[in-house]
N, C-alpha and C. Protein backbone atom coordinates (compact mmCIF):
# COMPACT_ATOMS: atom_id res chain seq x y z
N MET A 1 0.82 -1.20 0.00
CA MET A 1 0.00 0.00 0.00
C MET A 1 0.87 1.26 0.00
N LYS A 2 1.98 1.22 0.80
CA LYS A 2 2.85 2.38 0.85
C LYS A 2 3.52 2.61 -0.50
N GLY A 3 3.87 1.53 -1.17
CA GLY A 3 4.50 1.64 -2.49
C GLY A 3 3.53 2.24 -3.52
N PHE A 4 2.28 1.83 -3.42
CA PHE A 4 1.26 2.36 -4.32
C PHE A 4 1.07 3.86 -4.12
N LEU A 5 1.00 4.29 -2.85
CA LEU A 5 0.84 5.72 -2.55
C LEU A 5 2.06 6.52 -2.98
N ALA A 6 3.26 5.94 -2.81
CA ALA A 6 4.48 6.61 -3.23
C ALA A 6 4.50 6.77 -4.75
N ALA A 7 4.09 5.74 -5.47
CA ALA A 7 4.05 5.80 -6.93
C ALA A 7 3.01 6.81 -7.40
N LEU A 8 1.87 6.82 -6.75
CA LEU A 8 0.82 7.76 -7.10
C LEU A 8 1.28 9.21 -6.85
N ALA A 9 1.95 9.44 -5.74
CA ALA A 9 2.47 10.77 -5.43
C ALA A 9 3.54 11.18 -6.44
N GLY A 10 4.38 10.22 -6.84
CA GLY A 10 5.41 10.50 -7.84
C GLY A 10 4.81 10.87 -9.18
N ILE A 11 3.81 10.14 -9.62
CA ILE A 11 3.14 10.43 -10.88
C ILE A 11 2.46 11.79 -10.83
N ALA A 12 1.81 12.09 -9.72
CA ALA A 12 1.15 13.39 -9.57
C ALA A 12 2.20 14.52 -9.58
N GLY A 13 3.33 14.30 -8.95
CA GLY A 13 4.40 15.30 -8.93
C GLY A 13 4.97 15.54 -10.32
N ILE A 14 5.18 14.47 -11.07
CA ILE A 14 5.70 14.61 -12.44
C ILE A 14 4.69 15.34 -13.32
N ALA A 15 3.43 14.99 -13.20
CA ALA A 15 2.39 15.67 -13.99
C ALA A 15 2.33 17.15 -13.63
N TRP A 16 2.42 17.47 -12.35
CA TRP A 16 2.40 18.88 -11.93
C TRP A 16 3.60 19.63 -12.48
N PHE A 17 4.80 19.00 -12.41
CA PHE A 17 6.02 19.64 -12.88
C PHE A 17 5.95 19.91 -14.39
N ARG A 18 5.45 18.94 -15.15
CA ARG A 18 5.34 19.14 -16.60
C ARG A 18 4.34 20.24 -16.95
N ARG A 19 3.21 20.27 -16.25
CA ARG A 19 2.20 21.28 -16.51
C ARG A 19 2.74 22.67 -16.16
N ARG A 20 3.44 22.78 -15.04
CA ARG A 20 4.01 24.06 -14.62
C ARG A 20 5.05 24.53 -15.62
N LYS A 21 5.83 23.62 -16.12
CA LYS A 21 6.87 23.97 -17.08
C LYS A 21 6.26 24.36 -18.43
N ALA A 22 5.18 23.75 -18.83
CA ALA A 22 4.55 24.04 -20.11
C ALA A 22 3.85 25.40 -20.09
N VAL A 23 3.42 25.87 -18.95
CA VAL A 23 2.69 27.12 -18.86
C VAL A 23 3.62 28.33 -18.97
N GLN A 24 4.88 28.17 -18.58
CA GLN A 24 5.81 29.28 -18.58
C GLN A 24 6.12 29.72 -20.01
N PRO A 25 6.13 31.04 -20.27
CA PRO A 25 6.42 31.53 -21.61
C PRO A 25 7.90 31.33 -21.96
N ASP A 26 8.17 31.36 -23.24
CA ASP A 26 9.54 31.18 -23.73
C ASP A 26 10.36 32.44 -23.43
N PRO A 27 11.48 32.33 -22.73
CA PRO A 27 12.29 33.51 -22.41
C PRO A 27 12.80 34.23 -23.66
N ALA A 28 13.05 33.49 -24.73
CA ALA A 28 13.53 34.13 -25.96
C ALA A 28 12.46 35.05 -26.55
N GLU A 29 11.21 34.61 -26.49
CA GLU A 29 10.13 35.44 -27.01
C GLU A 29 9.95 36.71 -26.17
N GLU A 30 10.10 36.57 -24.85
CA GLU A 30 10.01 37.74 -23.98
C GLU A 30 11.11 38.74 -24.30
N LEU A 31 12.31 38.24 -24.52
CA LEU A 31 13.44 39.10 -24.84
C LEU A 31 13.23 39.80 -26.18
N LYS A 32 12.70 39.08 -27.16
CA LYS A 32 12.42 39.70 -28.46
C LYS A 32 11.40 40.82 -28.33
N ALA A 33 10.39 40.62 -27.51
CA ALA A 33 9.37 41.65 -27.30
C ALA A 33 9.98 42.87 -26.62
N LYS A 34 10.84 42.66 -25.62
CA LYS A 34 11.48 43.78 -24.94
C LYS A 34 12.39 44.55 -25.88
N LEU A 35 13.12 43.85 -26.73
CA LEU A 35 13.99 44.52 -27.70
C LEU A 35 13.18 45.33 -28.70
N ALA A 36 12.04 44.82 -29.12
CA ALA A 36 11.19 45.56 -30.04
C ALA A 36 10.67 46.83 -29.38
N GLN A 37 10.30 46.76 -28.12
CA GLN A 37 9.85 47.95 -27.40
C GLN A 37 10.98 48.95 -27.25
N ALA A 38 12.18 48.47 -27.01
CA ALA A 38 13.33 49.38 -26.85
C ALA A 38 13.63 50.08 -28.17
N ARG A 39 13.49 49.38 -29.28
CA ARG A 39 13.73 50.02 -30.59
C ARG A 39 12.69 51.10 -30.85
N GLU A 40 11.45 50.85 -30.50
CA GLU A 40 10.40 51.85 -30.68
C GLU A 40 10.65 53.06 -29.78
N ALA A 41 11.12 52.83 -28.58
CA ALA A 41 11.39 53.93 -27.65
C ALA A 41 12.57 54.76 -28.13
N ALA A 42 13.53 54.15 -28.79
CA ALA A 42 14.70 54.88 -29.29
C ALA A 42 14.30 55.88 -30.37
N ASP A 43 13.23 55.59 -31.10
CA ASP A 43 12.77 56.52 -32.14
C ASP A 43 12.21 57.80 -31.54
N ASP A 44 11.77 57.77 -30.30
CA ASP A 44 11.20 58.94 -29.64
C ASP A 44 12.26 59.83 -29.00
N ARG A 45 13.51 59.46 -29.09
CA ARG A 45 14.57 60.18 -28.40
C ARG A 45 14.69 61.62 -28.88
N ASP A 46 14.63 61.85 -30.19
CA ASP A 46 14.76 63.21 -30.72
C ASP A 46 13.64 64.10 -30.20
N GLU A 47 12.43 63.58 -30.17
CA GLU A 47 11.29 64.35 -29.66
C GLU A 47 11.47 64.66 -28.17
N PHE A 48 11.98 63.68 -27.43
CA PHE A 48 12.18 63.86 -26.00
C PHE A 48 13.26 64.91 -25.73
N GLU A 49 14.33 64.87 -26.49
CA GLU A 49 15.44 65.78 -26.26
C GLU A 49 15.22 67.17 -26.87
N ALA A 50 14.16 67.37 -27.61
CA ALA A 50 13.92 68.66 -28.24
C ALA A 50 13.71 69.77 -27.21
N GLY A 51 13.17 69.46 -26.05
CA GLY A 51 12.90 70.46 -25.04
C GLY A 51 14.09 70.76 -24.14
N GLU A 52 15.19 70.06 -24.31
CA GLU A 52 16.35 70.26 -23.45
C GLU A 52 17.33 71.24 -24.09
N LYS A 53 18.05 71.96 -23.24
CA LYS A 53 19.07 72.86 -23.73
C LYS A 53 20.38 72.09 -23.90
N PRO A 54 21.10 72.36 -24.98
CA PRO A 54 22.42 71.76 -25.12
C PRO A 54 23.35 72.27 -24.02
N VAL A 55 24.36 71.52 -23.70
CA VAL A 55 25.26 71.85 -22.61
C VAL A 55 25.96 73.19 -22.83
N ASP A 56 26.30 73.50 -24.06
CA ASP A 56 27.02 74.75 -24.31
C ASP A 56 26.12 75.98 -24.20
N GLU A 57 24.80 75.81 -24.15
CA GLU A 57 23.90 76.96 -24.00
C GLU A 57 23.52 77.22 -22.54
N VAL A 58 23.87 76.34 -21.64
CA VAL A 58 23.55 76.50 -20.23
C VAL A 58 24.55 77.48 -19.63
N PRO A 59 24.09 78.47 -18.85
CA PRO A 59 25.03 79.43 -18.26
C PRO A 59 25.97 78.76 -17.26
N ASP A 60 27.22 79.21 -17.26
CA ASP A 60 28.22 78.63 -16.37
C ASP A 60 28.11 79.18 -14.95
N ASP A 61 27.61 80.36 -14.82
CA ASP A 61 27.55 81.01 -13.52
C ASP A 61 26.41 80.42 -12.69
N VAL A 62 26.74 79.98 -11.48
CA VAL A 62 25.74 79.36 -10.60
C VAL A 62 24.67 80.36 -10.20
N ASP A 63 25.07 81.59 -9.93
CA ASP A 63 24.09 82.61 -9.53
C ASP A 63 23.10 82.90 -10.65
N THR A 64 23.57 82.92 -11.89
CA THR A 64 22.67 83.14 -13.03
C THR A 64 21.68 81.99 -13.16
N ARG A 65 22.17 80.78 -13.01
CA ARG A 65 21.29 79.61 -13.09
C ARG A 65 20.27 79.61 -11.97
N ARG A 66 20.71 79.96 -10.75
CA ARG A 66 19.81 79.99 -9.60
C ARG A 66 18.73 81.05 -9.81
N ARG A 67 19.11 82.21 -10.29
CA ARG A 67 18.16 83.30 -10.54
C ARG A 67 17.14 82.88 -11.60
N ASP A 68 17.62 82.19 -12.64
CA ASP A 68 16.73 81.72 -13.70
C ASP A 68 15.71 80.72 -13.15
N VAL A 69 16.15 79.81 -12.29
CA VAL A 69 15.24 78.82 -11.70
C VAL A 69 14.20 79.50 -10.83
N HIS A 70 14.64 80.47 -10.03
CA HIS A 70 13.70 81.17 -9.15
C HIS A 70 12.70 82.00 -9.96
N ASP A 71 13.15 82.63 -11.04
CA ASP A 71 12.24 83.40 -11.89
C ASP A 71 11.18 82.50 -12.52
N ARG A 72 11.61 81.33 -12.99
CA ARG A 72 10.64 80.40 -13.59
C ARG A 72 9.65 79.89 -12.54
N ALA A 73 10.13 79.65 -11.32
CA ALA A 73 9.24 79.18 -10.26
C ALA A 73 8.22 80.26 -9.89
N ARG A 74 8.68 81.50 -9.79
CA ARG A 74 7.76 82.60 -9.48
C ARG A 74 6.71 82.75 -10.59
N ALA A 75 7.15 82.63 -11.84
CA ALA A 75 6.21 82.74 -12.96
C ALA A 75 5.17 81.61 -12.90
N ALA A 76 5.62 80.42 -12.57
CA ALA A 76 4.70 79.29 -12.48
C ALA A 76 3.70 79.50 -11.32
N MET A 77 4.19 80.01 -10.21
CA MET A 77 3.30 80.27 -9.08
C MET A 77 2.30 81.37 -9.42
N ASP A 78 2.74 82.41 -10.15
CA ASP A 78 1.82 83.46 -10.57
C ASP A 78 0.75 82.92 -11.52
N ASP A 79 1.16 82.02 -12.41
CA ASP A 79 0.19 81.42 -13.33
C ASP A 79 -0.83 80.60 -12.56
N LEU A 80 -0.39 79.85 -11.56
CA LEU A 80 -1.33 79.05 -10.78
C LEU A 80 -2.28 79.92 -9.96
N SER A 81 -1.76 81.00 -9.41
CA SER A 81 -2.63 81.84 -8.59
C SER A 81 -3.59 82.66 -9.46
N SER A 82 -3.23 82.97 -10.69
CA SER A 82 -4.12 83.72 -11.57
C SER A 82 -5.22 82.83 -12.15
N ASP A 83 -5.00 81.53 -12.19
CA ASP A 83 -6.02 80.59 -12.71
C ASP A 83 -7.17 80.42 -11.74
N SER A 84 -6.97 80.68 -10.49
CA SER A 84 -8.01 80.44 -9.48
C SER A 84 -9.14 81.40 -9.57
């Protein structure tokens, strides 16, 4: 009886292992899908970088940069308060 139960448990375990393994997707297909998404995202790079300033156009002086940031923040706060 113990041998029968052991064999039955073994068969059930093998069936479970095969079913679990068959359900998992192919890692190669997942990688291909990720690479395709990355290629599509690379095409958007020019559009994304269009709003950025090139390094040579950024002011070198820290005080000038700080003043510019504060001016933009004040302008944004004024816009928000005028919308109310």
